[in-house]
Amino acid sequence: MTCQDLVELVTDYLEGTLPAEDNVRFELHVDQCVWCARYLDQMRVTIATVGRIDEDSISPAARETLLGAFRDWRADARPLP
């Protein structure tokens, strides 16, 4: 598993929905990669700090701003070499 693979799978890993084979590969990579171990820790801290935000708690204007930012980010995303 590459670092990029891990980043793409971290949500599934944290939610416990990663297939067993990928889960093993994920954990082996984290055990061997200090940078991915730090990234995983940062994701856990972020989730614990922010918690779960209910969609209804976000104003319509803020929701549109966030959705626009993600649309723009996706449109600007370039594949990594």
N, C-alpha and C. Protein backbone atom coordinates (compact mmCIF):
# COMPACT_ATOMS: atom_id res chain seq x y z
N MET A 1 0.85 -1.17 0.00
CA MET A 1 0.00 0.00 0.00
C MET A 1 0.89 1.23 0.00
N THR A 2 0.53 2.20 -0.81
CA THR A 2 1.27 3.46 -0.85
C THR A 2 0.65 4.45 0.13
N CYS A 3 1.38 5.54 0.38
CA CYS A 3 0.85 6.59 1.25
C CYS A 3 -0.43 7.18 0.65
N GLN A 4 -0.46 7.37 -0.65
CA GLN A 4 -1.65 7.91 -1.31
C GLN A 4 -2.84 6.97 -1.14
N ASP A 5 -2.60 5.66 -1.27
CA ASP A 5 -3.67 4.68 -1.05
C ASP A 5 -4.23 4.83 0.36
N LEU A 6 -3.34 4.97 1.33
CA LEU A 6 -3.76 5.09 2.72
C LEU A 6 -4.65 6.32 2.91
N VAL A 7 -4.24 7.44 2.36
CA VAL A 7 -5.03 8.67 2.48
C VAL A 7 -6.42 8.47 1.91
N GLU A 8 -6.51 7.78 0.79
CA GLU A 8 -7.80 7.56 0.15
C GLU A 8 -8.68 6.59 0.94
N LEU A 9 -8.07 5.74 1.76
CA LEU A 9 -8.82 4.72 2.50
C LEU A 9 -9.04 5.05 3.97
N VAL A 10 -8.47 6.15 4.45
CA VAL A 10 -8.50 6.42 5.89
C VAL A 10 -9.92 6.52 6.44
N THR A 11 -10.83 7.11 5.70
CA THR A 11 -12.21 7.23 6.20
C THR A 11 -12.84 5.87 6.38
N ASP A 12 -12.69 5.01 5.38
CA ASP A 12 -13.24 3.65 5.50
C ASP A 12 -12.60 2.91 6.66
N TYR A 13 -11.30 3.09 6.85
CA TYR A 13 -10.60 2.44 7.97
C TYR A 13 -11.19 2.90 9.30
N LEU A 14 -11.31 4.21 9.47
CA LEU A 14 -11.81 4.75 10.74
C LEU A 14 -13.26 4.40 10.99
N GLU A 15 -14.03 4.22 9.91
CA GLU A 15 -15.44 3.84 10.06
C GLU A 15 -15.62 2.33 10.19
N GLY A 16 -14.53 1.57 10.04
CA GLY A 16 -14.61 0.12 10.17
C GLY A 16 -15.25 -0.56 8.98
N THR A 17 -15.21 0.09 7.82
CA THR A 17 -15.84 -0.50 6.63
C THR A 17 -14.83 -0.98 5.59
N LEU A 18 -13.57 -0.94 5.93
CA LEU A 18 -12.52 -1.40 5.01
C LEU A 18 -12.54 -2.93 4.96
N PRO A 19 -12.48 -3.51 3.76
CA PRO A 19 -12.42 -4.97 3.67
C PRO A 19 -11.22 -5.51 4.46
N ALA A 20 -11.35 -6.71 4.99
CA ALA A 20 -10.35 -7.29 5.89
C ALA A 20 -8.94 -7.26 5.29
N GLU A 21 -8.81 -7.64 4.04
CA GLU A 21 -7.48 -7.66 3.40
C GLU A 21 -6.87 -6.27 3.33
N ASP A 22 -7.67 -5.28 2.97
CA ASP A 22 -7.19 -3.90 2.92
C ASP A 22 -6.89 -3.37 4.31
N ASN A 23 -7.66 -3.78 5.29
CA ASN A 23 -7.44 -3.37 6.67
C ASN A 23 -6.06 -3.83 7.15
N VAL A 24 -5.70 -5.06 6.83
CA VAL A 24 -4.39 -5.60 7.21
C VAL A 24 -3.29 -4.80 6.53
N ARG A 25 -3.44 -4.56 5.23
CA ARG A 25 -2.44 -3.79 4.48
C ARG A 25 -2.32 -2.37 5.03
N PHE A 26 -3.44 -1.78 5.39
CA PHE A 26 -3.47 -0.43 5.95
C PHE A 26 -2.65 -0.39 7.25
N GLU A 27 -2.95 -1.33 8.15
CA GLU A 27 -2.27 -1.35 9.44
C GLU A 27 -0.78 -1.67 9.30
N LEU A 28 -0.41 -2.54 8.38
CA LEU A 28 1.01 -2.82 8.13
C LEU A 28 1.72 -1.56 7.65
N HIS A 29 1.08 -0.82 6.77
CA HIS A 29 1.69 0.41 6.27
C HIS A 29 1.87 1.42 7.40
N VAL A 30 0.84 1.60 8.22
CA VAL A 30 0.92 2.55 9.34
C VAL A 30 2.04 2.16 10.30
N ASP A 31 2.21 0.86 10.53
CA ASP A 31 3.28 0.38 11.41
C ASP A 31 4.66 0.71 10.88
N GLN A 32 4.79 0.85 9.56
CA GLN A 32 6.10 1.05 8.95
C GLN A 32 6.34 2.48 8.47
N CYS A 33 5.33 3.33 8.47
CA CYS A 33 5.44 4.68 7.90
C CYS A 33 5.08 5.72 8.96
N VAL A 34 6.08 6.40 9.46
CA VAL A 34 5.85 7.39 10.51
C VAL A 34 4.94 8.52 10.03
N TRP A 35 5.02 8.89 8.75
CA TRP A 35 4.20 9.98 8.23
C TRP A 35 2.73 9.59 8.17
N CYS A 36 2.46 8.39 7.75
CA CYS A 36 1.06 7.93 7.71
C CYS A 36 0.52 7.69 9.11
N ALA A 37 1.37 7.25 10.02
CA ALA A 37 0.95 7.08 11.41
C ALA A 37 0.54 8.44 11.99
N ARG A 38 1.32 9.47 11.67
CA ARG A 38 0.98 10.82 12.13
C ARG A 38 -0.31 11.30 11.49
N TYR A 39 -0.46 11.03 10.21
CA TYR A 39 -1.69 11.43 9.50
C TYR A 39 -2.91 10.76 10.15
N LEU A 40 -2.81 9.48 10.42
CA LEU A 40 -3.91 8.76 11.05
C LEU A 40 -4.23 9.35 12.41
N ASP A 41 -3.20 9.66 13.19
CA ASP A 41 -3.42 10.29 14.50
C ASP A 41 -4.10 11.65 14.34
N GLN A 42 -3.68 12.44 13.34
CA GLN A 42 -4.29 13.74 13.10
C GLN A 42 -5.77 13.60 12.74
N MET A 43 -6.09 12.61 11.94
CA MET A 43 -7.49 12.37 11.57
C MET A 43 -8.31 12.01 12.81
N ARG A 44 -7.75 11.18 13.66
CA ARG A 44 -8.47 10.80 14.89
C ARG A 44 -8.70 12.00 15.80
N VAL A 45 -7.67 12.85 15.94
CA VAL A 45 -7.81 14.06 16.77
C VAL A 45 -8.83 15.00 16.16
N THR A 46 -8.82 15.16 14.86
CA THR A 46 -9.78 16.04 14.19
C THR A 46 -11.21 15.55 14.43
N ILE A 47 -11.42 14.27 14.27
CA ILE A 47 -12.76 13.70 14.48
C ILE A 47 -13.19 13.89 15.93
N ALA A 48 -12.28 13.64 16.87
CA ALA A 48 -12.62 13.80 18.29
C ALA A 48 -12.89 15.26 18.64
N THR A 49 -12.16 16.17 18.01
CA THR A 49 -12.32 17.59 18.30
C THR A 49 -13.59 18.16 17.69
N VAL A 50 -13.81 17.86 16.44
CA VAL A 50 -14.95 18.43 15.72
C VAL A 50 -16.23 17.65 16.00
N GLY A 51 -16.09 16.36 16.18
CA GLY A 51 -17.26 15.53 16.35
C GLY A 51 -18.00 15.40 15.04
N ARG A 52 -19.22 15.04 15.11
CA ARG A 52 -20.03 14.90 13.90
C ARG A 52 -20.92 16.13 13.77
N ILE A 53 -20.84 16.75 12.64
CA ILE A 53 -21.65 17.93 12.38
C ILE A 53 -22.92 17.50 11.65
N ASP A 54 -24.02 17.85 12.21
CA ASP A 54 -25.31 17.55 11.60
C ASP A 54 -25.55 18.53 10.46
N GLU A 55 -26.02 18.05 9.33
CA GLU A 55 -26.25 18.90 8.16
C GLU A 55 -27.18 20.06 8.49
N ASP A 56 -28.14 19.83 9.37
CA ASP A 56 -29.10 20.87 9.73
C ASP A 56 -28.47 21.99 10.57
N SER A 57 -27.29 21.74 11.14
CA SER A 57 -26.66 22.76 11.97
C SER A 57 -25.87 23.78 11.15
N ILE A 58 -25.76 23.56 9.84
CA ILE A 58 -25.03 24.46 8.96
C ILE A 58 -26.03 25.34 8.22
N SER A 59 -25.76 26.63 8.22
CA SER A 59 -26.67 27.54 7.52
C SER A 59 -26.63 27.24 6.02
N PRO A 60 -27.71 27.55 5.31
CA PRO A 60 -27.73 27.33 3.86
C PRO A 60 -26.58 28.04 3.14
N ALA A 61 -26.23 29.26 3.58
CA ALA A 61 -25.15 30.00 2.94
C ALA A 61 -23.81 29.31 3.16
N ALA A 62 -23.57 28.84 4.39
CA ALA A 62 -22.32 28.14 4.69
C ALA A 62 -22.25 26.83 3.92
N ARG A 63 -23.37 26.15 3.82
CA ARG A 63 -23.41 24.89 3.07
C ARG A 63 -23.02 25.11 1.61
N GLU A 64 -23.59 26.14 0.99
CA GLU A 64 -23.28 26.44 -0.41
C GLU A 64 -21.81 26.84 -0.57
N THR A 65 -21.28 27.58 0.38
CA THR A 65 -19.87 27.97 0.32
C THR A 65 -18.97 26.73 0.38
N LEU A 66 -19.28 25.83 1.29
CA LEU A 66 -18.49 24.60 1.41
C LEU A 66 -18.61 23.74 0.16
N LEU A 67 -19.82 23.56 -0.32
CA LEU A 67 -20.01 22.75 -1.53
C LEU A 67 -19.28 23.36 -2.72
N GLY A 68 -19.32 24.69 -2.84
CA GLY A 68 -18.60 25.36 -3.91
C GLY A 68 -17.09 25.16 -3.80
N ALA A 69 -16.59 25.24 -2.58
CA ALA A 69 -15.15 25.04 -2.37
C ALA A 69 -14.74 23.63 -2.77
N PHE A 70 -15.54 22.65 -2.42
CA PHE A 70 -15.21 21.27 -2.79
C PHE A 70 -15.33 21.05 -4.29
N ARG A 71 -16.32 21.67 -4.92
CA ARG A 71 -16.44 21.56 -6.38
C ARG A 71 -15.22 22.16 -7.05
N ASP A 72 -14.80 23.34 -6.58
CA ASP A 72 -13.63 24.00 -7.15
C ASP A 72 -12.37 23.19 -6.91
N TRP A 73 -12.23 22.63 -5.70
CA TRP A 73 -11.05 21.83 -5.38
C TRP A 73 -10.99 20.62 -6.30
N ARG A 74 -12.09 19.97 -6.49
CA ARG A 74 -12.13 18.77 -7.34
C ARG A 74 -11.81 19.12 -8.78
N ALA A 75 -12.31 20.24 -9.25
CA ALA A 75 -12.04 20.66 -10.62
C ALA A 75 -10.58 21.01 -10.83
N ASP A 76 -9.93 21.50 -9.78
CA ASP A 76 -8.52 21.89 -9.86
C ASP A 76 -7.57 20.76 -9.53
N ALA A 77 -8.09 19.65 -9.03
CA ALA A 77 -7.23 18.54 -8.61
C ALA A 77 -6.47 17.98 -9.81
N ARG A 78 -5.24 17.73 -9.57
CA ARG A 78 -4.37 17.15 -10.60
C ARG A 78 -3.88 15.80 -10.10
N PRO A 79 -3.82 14.79 -10.94
CA PRO A 79 -3.31 13.50 -10.50
C PRO A 79 -1.84 13.61 -10.09
N LEU A 80 -1.48 12.91 -9.07
CA LEU A 80 -0.09 12.88 -8.62
C LEU A 80 0.73 12.02 -9.57
N PRO A 81 1.99 12.40 -9.78
CA PRO A 81 2.84 11.59 -10.69
C PRO A 81 3.08 10.21 -10.14
